[in-house]
Amino acid sequence: MGAVEDSGERRQLLNVAYRLLGSVTEAEDAVQDAYARWYGLSDSRRAQILLPGAWLTTVTGRICLDLLGSARARRERYVGAWLPEPLPDRAEWDGTGDADPADLIERDESVAMAFLVVLEAMTPAERVAFVLHDVFRYPFAEIAEVLGRTPAACKQLAASARRRVSAARAPAPVRADVVRRVKEAWESKDIAALVGLLDPAAVMTADGGGMVGTVLRPVEGGPRIAQYMAAIADRAPGLELLERSVNGLPGLVARRDGAVVTVAAFEGDGDRVTRIWVVRNPEKLRPWAPQPS
């Protein structure tokens, strides 16, 4: 039964788990746990399972559901805002891939930071039902096995989650040229240029997890964000800004002494930035660390 892990199942499971948990690290742990449970079965029990991939998906989904339930309590104690773990594109850094779990996660609109933030507003059951059905097209009969509910109840959960997504303003990816101009204005501490690139009602949310200094509440308004960014530039000499893909979309990465210390994701509206998500919690930047050769 070792062929199970050699197939594309692990990639699929990681893709499901990341969208459910918003964390590369936790997704990898959930998938490893599912495989451990598979190999912990007796040979006779494994022989009875006709579709190992479906079994692994069900178990991974249940593990994620449990983690989501406990995460809600943990996030109530979290210092400042909690943001999903940003996803790098390793090929942009060293031209390699598949060296890290993050490289196995497919980049599409369902991993955009804006979309993951909307998923965070759902109940754990809604999130599981929505992601499995609307993103991965699993039938409600299989989702019912994960949630321990009827297919009809799972259908209602997905519909409720869909309404949450519809109620949220449709996220729009910011253009790469706009991100480049933000980078240039930030580097030159040009507040006027930054204000021109930010929507007047723009919002910046930062996640330091209490481990590094950052604002604990969202900064609202283009002028306030621009002033904050310029002040940070003054206090952070030697910081190197790079244009890099963040969750499959144009973003910015800040490095100091070769180590990634900040990752910023953007949402845009035409020529202006409407949302900025800044992740500084070092525990969430582990996938951005250099990979061993």
C-alpha atoms as a PDB file:
ATOM      1  CA  MET A   1       0.000   0.000   0.000  1.00  0.00           C
ATOM      2  CA  GLY A   2       3.018   2.296  -0.163  1.00  0.00           C
ATOM      3  CA  ALA A   3       1.868   3.300  -3.688  1.00  0.00           C
ATOM      4  CA  VAL A   4      -0.720   5.575  -2.088  1.00  0.00           C
ATOM      5  CA  GLU A   5       1.881   8.120  -1.054  1.00  0.00           C
ATOM      6  CA  ASP A   6       3.773   7.853  -4.339  1.00  0.00           C
ATOM      7  CA  SER A   7       0.782   9.039  -6.370  1.00  0.00           C
ATOM      8  CA  GLY A   8      -0.571  12.546  -6.715  1.00  0.00           C
ATOM      9  CA  GLU A   9      -2.612  12.074  -3.562  1.00  0.00           C
ATOM     10  CA  ARG A  10      -0.178  13.919  -1.295  1.00  0.00           C
ATOM     11  CA  ARG A  11      -0.230  16.967  -3.573  1.00  0.00           C
ATOM     12  CA  GLN A  12      -4.033  16.924  -3.621  1.00  0.00           C
ATOM     13  CA  LEU A  13      -4.248  16.530   0.148  1.00  0.00           C
ATOM     14  CA  LEU A  14      -1.834  19.424   0.721  1.00  0.00           C
ATOM     15  CA  ASN A  15      -3.883  21.614  -1.598  1.00  0.00           C
ATOM     16  CA  VAL A  16      -7.067  20.786   0.304  1.00  0.00           C
ATOM     17  CA  ALA A  17      -5.468  21.210   3.734  1.00  0.00           C
ATOM     18  CA  TYR A  18      -3.836  24.569   2.952  1.00  0.00           C
ATOM     19  CA  ARG A  19      -7.143  26.060   1.814  1.00  0.00           C
ATOM     20  CA  LEU A  20      -8.842  24.681   4.900  1.00  0.00           C
ATOM     21  CA  LEU A  21      -6.203  25.853   7.383  1.00  0.00           C
ATOM     22  CA  GLY A  22      -4.485  28.826   5.750  1.00  0.00           C
ATOM     23  CA  SER A  23      -1.110  27.477   6.836  1.00  0.00           C
ATOM     24  CA  VAL A  24       1.495  25.537   4.887  1.00  0.00           C
ATOM     25  CA  THR A  25       2.992  24.196   8.104  1.00  0.00           C
ATOM     26  CA  GLU A  26      -0.313  23.029   9.568  1.00  0.00           C
ATOM     27  CA  ALA A  27      -1.390  21.588   6.209  1.00  0.00           C
ATOM     28  CA  GLU A  28       1.766  19.486   6.024  1.00  0.00           C
ATOM     29  CA  ASP A  29       1.245  18.298   9.611  1.00  0.00           C
ATOM     30  CA  ALA A  30      -2.384  17.365   8.866  1.00  0.00           C
ATOM     31  CA  VAL A  31      -1.407  15.356   5.779  1.00  0.00           C
ATOM     32  CA  GLN A  32       1.420  13.607   7.647  1.00  0.00           C
ATOM     33  CA  ASP A  33      -1.043  12.730  10.404  1.00  0.00           C
ATOM     34  CA  ALA A  34      -3.471  11.278   7.846  1.00  0.00           C
ATOM     35  CA  TYR A  35      -0.742   9.096   6.330  1.00  0.00           C
ATOM     36  CA  ALA A  36       0.361   7.996   9.795  1.00  0.00           C
ATOM     37  CA  ARG A  37      -3.192   6.832  10.480  1.00  0.00           C
ATOM     38  CA  TRP A  38      -3.263   5.013   7.127  1.00  0.00           C
ATOM     39  CA  TYR A  39      -0.046   3.119   7.832  1.00  0.00           C
ATOM     40  CA  GLY A  40      -1.245   2.480  11.368  1.00  0.00           C
ATOM     41  CA  LEU A  41      -4.093   0.356  10.018  1.00  0.00           C
ATOM     42  CA  SER A  42      -3.708  -3.389   9.879  1.00  0.00           C
ATOM     43  CA  ASP A  43      -3.042  -4.964   6.494  1.00  0.00           C
ATOM     44  CA  SER A  44      -6.497  -6.535   6.505  1.00  0.00           C
ATOM     45  CA  ARG A  45      -8.181  -3.195   7.284  1.00  0.00           C
ATOM     46  CA  ARG A  46      -6.278  -1.420   4.497  1.00  0.00           C
ATOM     47  CA  ALA A  47      -7.238  -4.194   2.082  1.00  0.00           C
ATOM     48  CA  GLN A  48     -10.911  -3.469   2.816  1.00  0.00           C
ATOM     49  CA  ILE A  49     -10.565   0.176   1.724  1.00  0.00           C
ATOM     50  CA  LEU A  50     -11.288   0.228  -1.992  1.00  0.00           C
ATOM     51  CA  LEU A  51     -10.413   3.917  -2.497  1.00  0.00           C
ATOM     52  CA  PRO A  52      -7.411   4.878  -0.360  1.00  0.00           C
ATOM     53  CA  GLY A  53      -7.396   8.409  -1.772  1.00  0.00           C
ATOM     54  CA  ALA A  54     -10.990   8.999  -0.685  1.00  0.00           C
ATOM     55  CA  TRP A  55     -10.186   7.576   2.756  1.00  0.00           C
ATOM     56  CA  LEU A  56      -7.170   9.876   3.105  1.00  0.00           C
ATOM     57  CA  THR A  57      -9.232  12.884   2.006  1.00  0.00           C
ATOM     58  CA  THR A  58     -11.899  12.099   4.589  1.00  0.00           C
ATOM     59  CA  VAL A  59      -9.337  11.676   7.371  1.00  0.00           C
ATOM     60  CA  THR A  60      -7.423  14.816   6.341  1.00  0.00           C
ATOM     61  CA  GLY A  61     -10.695  16.758   6.282  1.00  0.00           C
ATOM     62  CA  ARG A  62     -11.585  15.574   9.782  1.00  0.00           C
ATOM     63  CA  ILE A  63      -8.126  16.482  11.101  1.00  0.00           C
ATOM     64  CA  CYS A  64      -8.465  19.954   9.575  1.00  0.00           C
ATOM     65  CA  LEU A  65     -11.962  20.330  11.016  1.00  0.00           C
ATOM     66  CA  ASP A  66     -10.612  19.577  14.504  1.00  0.00           C
ATOM     67  CA  LEU A  67      -7.726  22.005  13.993  1.00  0.00           C
ATOM     68  CA  LEU A  68     -10.080  24.746  12.811  1.00  0.00           C
ATOM     69  CA  GLY A  69     -12.202  24.292  15.923  1.00  0.00           C
ATOM     70  CA  SER A  70      -9.233  24.639  18.265  1.00  0.00           C
ATOM     71  CA  ALA A  71      -7.761  27.469  16.162  1.00  0.00           C
ATOM     72  CA  ARG A  72     -10.785  29.674  16.838  1.00  0.00           C
ATOM     73  CA  ALA A  73      -9.991  29.602  20.540  1.00  0.00           C
ATOM     74  CA  ARG A  74      -6.271  30.165  19.933  1.00  0.00           C
ATOM     75  CA  ARG A  75      -6.921  33.136  17.698  1.00  0.00           C
ATOM     76  CA  GLU A  76      -8.996  34.823  20.375  1.00  0.00           C
ATOM     77  CA  ARG A  77      -5.780  34.959  22.408  1.00  0.00           C
ATOM     78  CA  TYR A  78      -3.601  35.925  19.449  1.00  0.00           C
ATOM     79  CA  VAL A  79      -1.745  39.229  19.768  1.00  0.00           C
ATOM     80  CA  GLY A  80      -3.062  41.566  17.071  1.00  0.00           C
ATOM     81  CA  ALA A  81      -4.613  40.504  13.778  1.00  0.00           C
ATOM     82  CA  TRP A  82      -4.302  36.900  12.554  1.00  0.00           C
ATOM     83  CA  LEU A  83      -3.577  36.426   8.849  1.00  0.00           C
ATOM     84  CA  PRO A  84      -3.153  33.264   6.775  1.00  0.00           C
ATOM     85  CA  GLU A  85       0.375  32.030   6.160  1.00  0.00           C
ATOM     86  CA  PRO A  86       1.657  33.525   2.884  1.00  0.00           C
ATOM     87  CA  LEU A  87       2.606  31.181   0.086  1.00  0.00           C
ATOM     88  CA  PRO A  88       5.891  31.658  -1.829  1.00  0.00           C
ATOM     89  CA  ASP A  89       6.757  30.632  -5.356  1.00  0.00           C
ATOM     90  CA  ARG A  90      10.089  28.912  -4.848  1.00  0.00           C
ATOM     91  CA  ALA A  91      10.921  29.033  -8.556  1.00  0.00           C
ATOM     92  CA  GLU A  92      11.211  32.826  -8.293  1.00  0.00           C
ATOM     93  CA  TRP A  93      14.006  32.455  -5.752  1.00  0.00           C
ATOM     94  CA  ASP A  94      16.264  29.718  -7.036  1.00  0.00           C
ATOM     95  CA  GLY A  95      14.616  28.229 -10.096  1.00  0.00           C
ATOM     96  CA  THR A  96      13.727  25.005  -8.331  1.00  0.00           C
ATOM     97  CA  GLY A  97      10.438  23.493  -7.233  1.00  0.00           C
ATOM     98  CA  ASP A  98       8.994  20.577  -5.292  1.00  0.00           C
ATOM     99  CA  ALA A  99      11.629  20.983  -2.552  1.00  0.00           C
ATOM    100  CA  ASP A 100       9.090  22.140  -0.015  1.00  0.00           C
ATOM    101  CA  PRO A 101       5.384  21.500   0.725  1.00  0.00           C
ATOM    102  CA  ALA A 102       4.642  25.061  -0.448  1.00  0.00           C
ATOM    103  CA  ASP A 103       5.833  24.088  -3.927  1.00  0.00           C
ATOM    104  CA  LEU A 104       3.168  21.391  -4.133  1.00  0.00           C
ATOM    105  CA  ILE A 105       0.306  23.827  -3.613  1.00  0.00           C
ATOM    106  CA  GLU A 106      -1.327  24.995  -6.810  1.00  0.00           C
ATOM    107  CA  ARG A 107      -1.699  28.778  -7.102  1.00  0.00           C
ATOM    108  CA  ASP A 108      -5.153  29.903  -8.186  1.00  0.00           C
ATOM    109  CA  GLU A 109      -7.824  32.333  -7.015  1.00  0.00           C
ATOM    110  CA  SER A 110      -8.678  30.064  -4.077  1.00  0.00           C
ATOM    111  CA  VAL A 111      -5.280  30.699  -2.441  1.00  0.00           C
ATOM    112  CA  ALA A 112      -5.308  34.481  -2.927  1.00  0.00           C
ATOM    113  CA  MET A 113      -4.867  36.213   0.422  1.00  0.00           C
ATOM    114  CA  ALA A 114      -8.164  38.092  -0.030  1.00  0.00           C
ATOM    115  CA  PHE A 115     -10.027  34.805  -0.535  1.00  0.00           C
ATOM    116  CA  LEU A 116      -8.349  33.097   2.420  1.00  0.00           C
ATOM    117  CA  VAL A 117      -9.282  36.039   4.646  1.00  0.00           C
ATOM    118  CA  VAL A 118     -12.944  35.591   3.630  1.00  0.00           C
ATOM    119  CA  LEU A 119     -12.683  31.877   4.487  1.00  0.00           C
ATOM    120  CA  GLU A 120     -11.515  32.871   7.980  1.00  0.00           C
ATOM    121  CA  ALA A 121     -14.916  34.453   8.635  1.00  0.00           C
ATOM    122  CA  MET A 122     -16.681  31.097   8.156  1.00  0.00           C
ATOM    123  CA  THR A 123     -17.441  28.512  10.790  1.00  0.00           C
ATOM    124  CA  PRO A 124     -15.199  25.425  10.563  1.00  0.00           C
ATOM    125  CA  ALA A 125     -18.049  23.335   9.131  1.00  0.00           C
ATOM    126  CA  GLU A 126     -18.926  25.996   6.557  1.00  0.00           C
ATOM    127  CA  ARG A 127     -15.314  26.268   5.479  1.00  0.00           C
ATOM    128  CA  VAL A 128     -14.899  22.521   5.051  1.00  0.00           C
ATOM    129  CA  ALA A 129     -18.165  22.164   3.127  1.00  0.00           C
ATOM    130  CA  PHE A 130     -17.417  25.164   0.896  1.00  0.00           C
ATOM    131  CA  VAL A 131     -13.790  24.324   0.123  1.00  0.00           C
ATOM    132  CA  LEU A 132     -14.426  20.649  -0.557  1.00  0.00           C
ATOM    133  CA  HIS A 133     -17.507  21.282  -2.706  1.00  0.00           C
ATOM    134  CA  ASP A 134     -17.042  24.645  -4.411  1.00  0.00           C
ATOM    135  CA  VAL A 135     -13.250  24.558  -4.817  1.00  0.00           C
ATOM    136  CA  PHE A 136     -12.519  20.844  -5.221  1.00  0.00           C
ATOM    137  CA  ARG A 137     -15.919  19.626  -6.441  1.00  0.00           C
ATOM    138  CA  TYR A 138     -16.297  16.801  -3.948  1.00  0.00           C
ATOM    139  CA  PRO A 139     -19.889  15.485  -3.785  1.00  0.00           C
ATOM    140  CA  PHE A 140     -21.897  16.252  -0.672  1.00  0.00           C
ATOM    141  CA  ALA A 141     -22.144  12.525   0.092  1.00  0.00           C
ATOM    142  CA  GLU A 142     -18.357  12.447   0.629  1.00  0.00           C
ATOM    143  CA  ILE A 143     -18.358  15.743   2.533  1.00  0.00           C
ATOM    144  CA  ALA A 144     -20.984  14.268   4.852  1.00  0.00           C
ATOM    145  CA  GLU A 145     -18.440  11.605   5.827  1.00  0.00           C
ATOM    146  CA  VAL A 146     -15.984  14.349   6.845  1.00  0.00           C
ATOM    147  CA  LEU A 147     -18.451  16.481   8.779  1.00  0.00           C
ATOM    148  CA  GLY A 148     -20.552  13.696  10.256  1.00  0.00           C
ATOM    149  CA  ARG A 149     -23.719  15.327   8.935  1.00  0.00           C
ATOM    150  CA  THR A 150     -26.263  14.539   6.253  1.00  0.00           C
ATOM    151  CA  PRO A 151     -25.556  15.501   2.637  1.00  0.00           C
ATOM    152  CA  ALA A 152     -28.502  17.919   2.824  1.00  0.00           C
ATOM    153  CA  ALA A 153     -27.015  19.624   5.884  1.00  0.00           C
ATOM    154  CA  CYS A 154     -23.624  19.879   4.123  1.00  0.00           C
ATOM    155  CA  LYS A 155     -25.344  21.457   1.117  1.00  0.00           C
ATOM    156  CA  GLN A 156     -26.866  24.077   3.409  1.00  0.00           C
ATOM    157  CA  LEU A 157     -23.472  24.775   4.993  1.00  0.00           C
ATOM    158  CA  ALA A 158     -21.903  25.326   1.583  1.00  0.00           C
ATOM    159  CA  ALA A 159     -24.763  27.635   0.583  1.00  0.00           C
ATOM    160  CA  SER A 160     -24.297  29.665   3.773  1.00  0.00           C
ATOM    161  CA  ALA A 161     -20.567  29.934   3.085  1.00  0.00           C
ATOM    162  CA  ARG A 162     -21.293  30.965  -0.497  1.00  0.00           C
ATOM    163  CA  ARG A 163     -23.445  33.819   0.776  1.00  0.00           C
ATOM    164  CA  ARG A 164     -20.527  34.994   2.918  1.00  0.00           C
ATOM    165  CA  VAL A 165     -18.298  35.034  -0.139  1.00  0.00           C
ATOM    166  CA  SER A 166     -20.911  36.915  -2.163  1.00  0.00           C
ATOM    167  CA  ALA A 167     -21.407  39.461   0.624  1.00  0.00           C
ATOM    168  CA  ALA A 168     -17.701  40.239   0.673  1.00  0.00           C
ATOM    169  CA  ARG A 169     -16.563  42.710  -1.948  1.00  0.00           C
ATOM    170  CA  ALA A 170     -15.251  40.754  -4.902  1.00  0.00           C
ATOM    171  CA  PRO A 171     -11.454  40.759  -4.480  1.00  0.00           C
ATOM    172  CA  ALA A 172      -9.417  42.047  -7.390  1.00  0.00           C
ATOM    173  CA  PRO A 173      -5.712  41.278  -7.816  1.00  0.00           C
ATOM    174  CA  VAL A 174      -3.483  44.316  -7.938  1.00  0.00           C
ATOM    175  CA  ARG A 175      -1.459  44.783 -11.120  1.00  0.00           C
ATOM    176  CA  ALA A 176       2.263  44.081 -11.044  1.00  0.00           C
ATOM    177  CA  ASP A 177       3.093  47.596 -12.273  1.00  0.00           C
ATOM    178  CA  VAL A 178       1.140  49.115  -9.361  1.00  0.00           C
ATOM    179  CA  VAL A 179       3.057  46.955  -6.869  1.00  0.00           C
ATOM    180  CA  ARG A 180       6.316  48.042  -8.518  1.00  0.00           C
ATOM    181  CA  ARG A 181       5.384  51.715  -8.117  1.00  0.00           C
ATOM    182  CA  VAL A 182       4.477  51.117  -4.455  1.00  0.00           C
ATOM    183  CA  LYS A 183       7.910  49.558  -3.964  1.00  0.00           C
ATOM    184  CA  GLU A 184       9.674  52.495  -5.607  1.00  0.00           C
ATOM    185  CA  ALA A 185       7.689  55.081  -3.634  1.00  0.00           C
ATOM    186  CA  TRP A 186       8.301  53.190  -0.384  1.00  0.00           C
ATOM    187  CA  GLU A 187      12.039  52.992  -1.049  1.00  0.00           C
ATOM    188  CA  SER A 188      12.233  56.714  -1.780  1.00  0.00           C
ATOM    189  CA  LYS A 189       9.918  57.567   1.158  1.00  0.00           C
ATOM    190  CA  ASP A 190       7.742  59.512  -1.267  1.00  0.00           C
ATOM    191  CA  ILE A 191       4.560  59.974   0.773  1.00  0.00           C
ATOM    192  CA  ALA A 192       2.785  61.895  -1.989  1.00  0.00           C
ATOM    193  CA  ALA A 193       3.437  59.081  -4.484  1.00  0.00           C
ATOM    194  CA  LEU A 194       2.257  56.479  -1.978  1.00  0.00           C
ATOM    195  CA  VAL A 195      -0.948  58.407  -1.297  1.00  0.00           C
ATOM    196  CA  GLY A 196      -1.567  58.529  -5.036  1.00  0.00           C
ATOM    197  CA  LEU A 197      -1.202  54.754  -5.288  1.00  0.00           C
ATOM    198  CA  LEU A 198      -3.471  53.993  -2.335  1.00  0.00           C
ATOM    199  CA  ASP A 199      -7.246  54.182  -2.409  1.00  0.00           C
ATOM    200  CA  PRO A 200      -8.462  56.852   0.056  1.00  0.00           C
ATOM    201  CA  ALA A 201     -10.327  54.098   1.923  1.00  0.00           C
ATOM    202  CA  ALA A 202      -7.477  51.565   1.759  1.00  0.00           C
ATOM    203  CA  VAL A 203      -6.876  49.295   4.758  1.00  0.00           C
ATOM    204  CA  MET A 204      -3.606  47.731   5.863  1.00  0.00           C
ATOM    205  CA  THR A 205      -3.646  44.763   8.258  1.00  0.00           C
ATOM    206  CA  ALA A 206      -0.431  43.466   9.816  1.00  0.00           C
ATOM    207  CA  ASP A 207       0.299  40.175  11.592  1.00  0.00           C
ATOM    208  CA  GLY A 208       3.292  40.058  13.923  1.00  0.00           C
ATOM    209  CA  GLY A 209       1.832  37.539  16.340  1.00  0.00           C
ATOM    210  CA  GLY A 210       3.280  39.461  19.266  1.00  0.00           C
ATOM    211  CA  MET A 211       6.727  38.219  18.217  1.00  0.00           C
ATOM    212  CA  VAL A 212       7.848  41.288  16.256  1.00  0.00           C
ATOM    213  CA  GLY A 213       6.795  44.898  16.356  1.00  0.00           C
ATOM    214  CA  THR A 214       3.868  45.947  14.171  1.00  0.00           C
ATOM    215  CA  VAL A 215       0.523  47.692  14.413  1.00  0.00           C
ATOM    216  CA  LEU A 216      -2.037  45.672  16.381  1.00  0.00           C
ATOM    217  CA  ARG A 217      -5.056  47.163  14.634  1.00  0.00           C
ATOM    218  CA  PRO A 218      -5.707  47.795  10.943  1.00  0.00           C
ATOM    219  CA  VAL A 219      -4.458  51.119   9.588  1.00  0.00           C
ATOM    220  CA  GLU A 220      -7.270  52.789   7.647  1.00  0.00           C
ATOM    221  CA  GLY A 221      -7.029  55.436   4.957  1.00  0.00           C
ATOM    222  CA  GLY A 222      -4.463  55.946   2.199  1.00  0.00           C
ATOM    223  CA  PRO A 223      -2.729  58.960   3.820  1.00  0.00           C
ATOM    224  CA  ARG A 224      -2.311  57.196   7.187  1.00  0.00           C
ATOM    225  CA  ILE A 225      -0.951  54.059   5.513  1.00  0.00           C
ATOM    226  CA  ALA A 226       1.493  56.118   3.445  1.00  0.00           C
ATOM    227  CA  GLN A 227       2.770  57.919   6.534  1.00  0.00           C
ATOM    228  CA  TYR A 228       3.151  54.619   8.375  1.00  0.00           C
ATOM    229  CA  MET A 229       5.081  53.066   5.487  1.00  0.00           C
ATOM    230  CA  ALA A 230       7.411  56.056   5.278  1.00  0.00           C
ATOM    231  CA  ALA A 231       8.023  55.930   9.030  1.00  0.00           C
ATOM    232  CA  ILE A 232       8.881  52.223   8.776  1.00  0.00           C
ATOM    233  CA  ALA A 233      11.350  52.982   5.969  1.00  0.00           C
ATOM    234  CA  ASP A 234      13.062  55.487   8.267  1.00  0.00           C
ATOM    235  CA  ARG A 235      13.365  52.930  11.050  1.00  0.00           C
ATOM    236  CA  ALA A 236      14.481  50.013   8.870  1.00  0.00           C
ATOM    237  CA  PRO A 237      17.813  50.850   7.231  1.00  0.00           C
ATOM    238  CA  GLY A 238      19.353  48.052   5.222  1.00  0.00           C
ATOM    239  CA  LEU A 239      16.002  46.520   4.314  1.00  0.00           C
ATOM    240  CA  GLU A 240      15.894  45.046   0.794  1.00  0.00           C
ATOM    241  CA  LEU A 241      12.541  45.113  -1.021  1.00  0.00           C
ATOM    242  CA  LEU A 242      11.835  42.517  -3.699  1.00  0.00           C
ATOM    243  CA  GLU A 243       8.927  42.026  -6.074  1.00  0.00           C
ATOM    244  CA  ARG A 244       7.773  38.459  -5.550  1.00  0.00           C
ATOM    245  CA  SER A 245       4.672  36.375  -6.040  1.00  0.00           C
ATOM    246  CA  VAL A 246       2.627  36.048  -2.847  1.00  0.00           C
ATOM    247  CA  ASN A 247      -0.090  33.400  -3.012  1.00  0.00           C
ATOM    248  CA  GLY A 248       0.176  33.494  -6.780  1.00  0.00           C
ATOM    249  CA  LEU A 249      -0.268  37.279  -7.138  1.00  0.00           C
ATOM    250  CA  PRO A 250       2.135  40.251  -7.318  1.00  0.00           C
ATOM    251  CA  GLY A 251       3.458  41.125  -3.867  1.00  0.00           C
ATOM    252  CA  LEU A 252       6.462  42.473  -2.009  1.00  0.00           C
ATOM    253  CA  VAL A 253       9.006  40.755   0.204  1.00  0.00           C
ATOM    254  CA  ALA A 254      11.402  42.509   2.569  1.00  0.00           C
ATOM    255  CA  ARG A 255      14.739  40.903   3.444  1.00  0.00           C
ATOM    256  CA  ARG A 256      17.372  41.829   5.982  1.00  0.00           C
ATOM    257  CA  ASP A 257      20.778  40.126   5.830  1.00  0.00           C
ATOM    258  CA  GLY A 258      19.333  37.606   3.369  1.00  0.00           C
ATOM    259  CA  ALA A 259      16.438  36.549   5.632  1.00  0.00           C
ATOM    260  CA  VAL A 260      12.805  37.286   4.756  1.00  0.00           C
ATOM    261  CA  VAL A 261      11.307  39.412   7.544  1.00  0.00           C
ATOM    262  CA  THR A 262       8.108  40.705   5.924  1.00  0.00           C
ATOM    263  CA  VAL A 263       5.735  39.527   3.200  1.00  0.00           C
ATOM    264  CA  ALA A 264       3.046  41.840   1.816  1.00  0.00           C
ATOM    265  CA  ALA A 265       0.030  40.822  -0.269  1.00  0.00           C
ATOM    266  CA  PHE A 266      -2.169  43.322  -2.102  1.00  0.00           C
ATOM    267  CA  GLU A 267      -5.663  43.793  -3.441  1.00  0.00           C
ATOM    268  CA  GLY A 268      -6.346  46.461  -6.020  1.00  0.00           C
ATOM    269  CA  ASP A 269      -8.926  48.467  -7.913  1.00  0.00           C
ATOM    270  CA  GLY A 270      -7.566  49.762 -11.182  1.00  0.00           C
ATOM    271  CA  ASP A 271      -4.493  51.912 -10.531  1.00  0.00           C
ATOM    272  CA  ARG A 272      -4.873  51.909  -6.754  1.00  0.00           C
ATOM    273  CA  VAL A 273      -4.291  49.539  -3.863  1.00  0.00           C
ATOM    274  CA  THR A 274      -7.343  48.892  -1.695  1.00  0.00           C
ATOM    275  CA  ARG A 275      -6.011  46.323   0.785  1.00  0.00           C
ATOM    276  CA  ILE A 276      -2.575  45.394   2.089  1.00  0.00           C
ATOM    277  CA  TRP A 277      -1.911  42.329   4.226  1.00  0.00           C
ATOM    278  CA  VAL A 278       1.477  42.336   5.924  1.00  0.00           C
ATOM    279  CA  VAL A 279       2.807  39.164   7.556  1.00  0.00           C
ATOM    280  CA  ARG A 280       5.775  39.592   9.918  1.00  0.00           C
ATOM    281  CA  ASN A 281       5.246  36.707  12.338  1.00  0.00           C
ATOM    282  CA  PRO A 282       8.479  34.707  11.837  1.00  0.00           C
ATOM    283  CA  GLU A 283       6.667  31.422  12.438  1.00  0.00           C
ATOM    284  CA  LYS A 284       4.523  32.127   9.367  1.00  0.00           C
ATOM    285  CA  LEU A 285       7.554  32.953   7.238  1.00  0.00           C
ATOM    286  CA  ARG A 286       9.232  29.548   7.552  1.00  0.00           C
ATOM    287  CA  PRO A 287       8.223  28.521   3.984  1.00  0.00           C
ATOM    288  CA  TRP A 288      10.149  31.599   2.798  1.00  0.00           C
ATOM    289  CA  ALA A 289      13.421  30.493   4.338  1.00  0.00           C
ATOM    290  CA  PRO A 290      16.175  29.314   1.968  1.00  0.00           C
ATOM    291  CA  GLN A 291      15.841  25.637   1.145  1.00  0.00           C
ATOM    292  CA  PRO A 292      18.778  23.253   1.596  1.00  0.00           C
ATOM    293  CA  SER A 293      20.433  22.370  -1.692  1.00  0.00           C
END
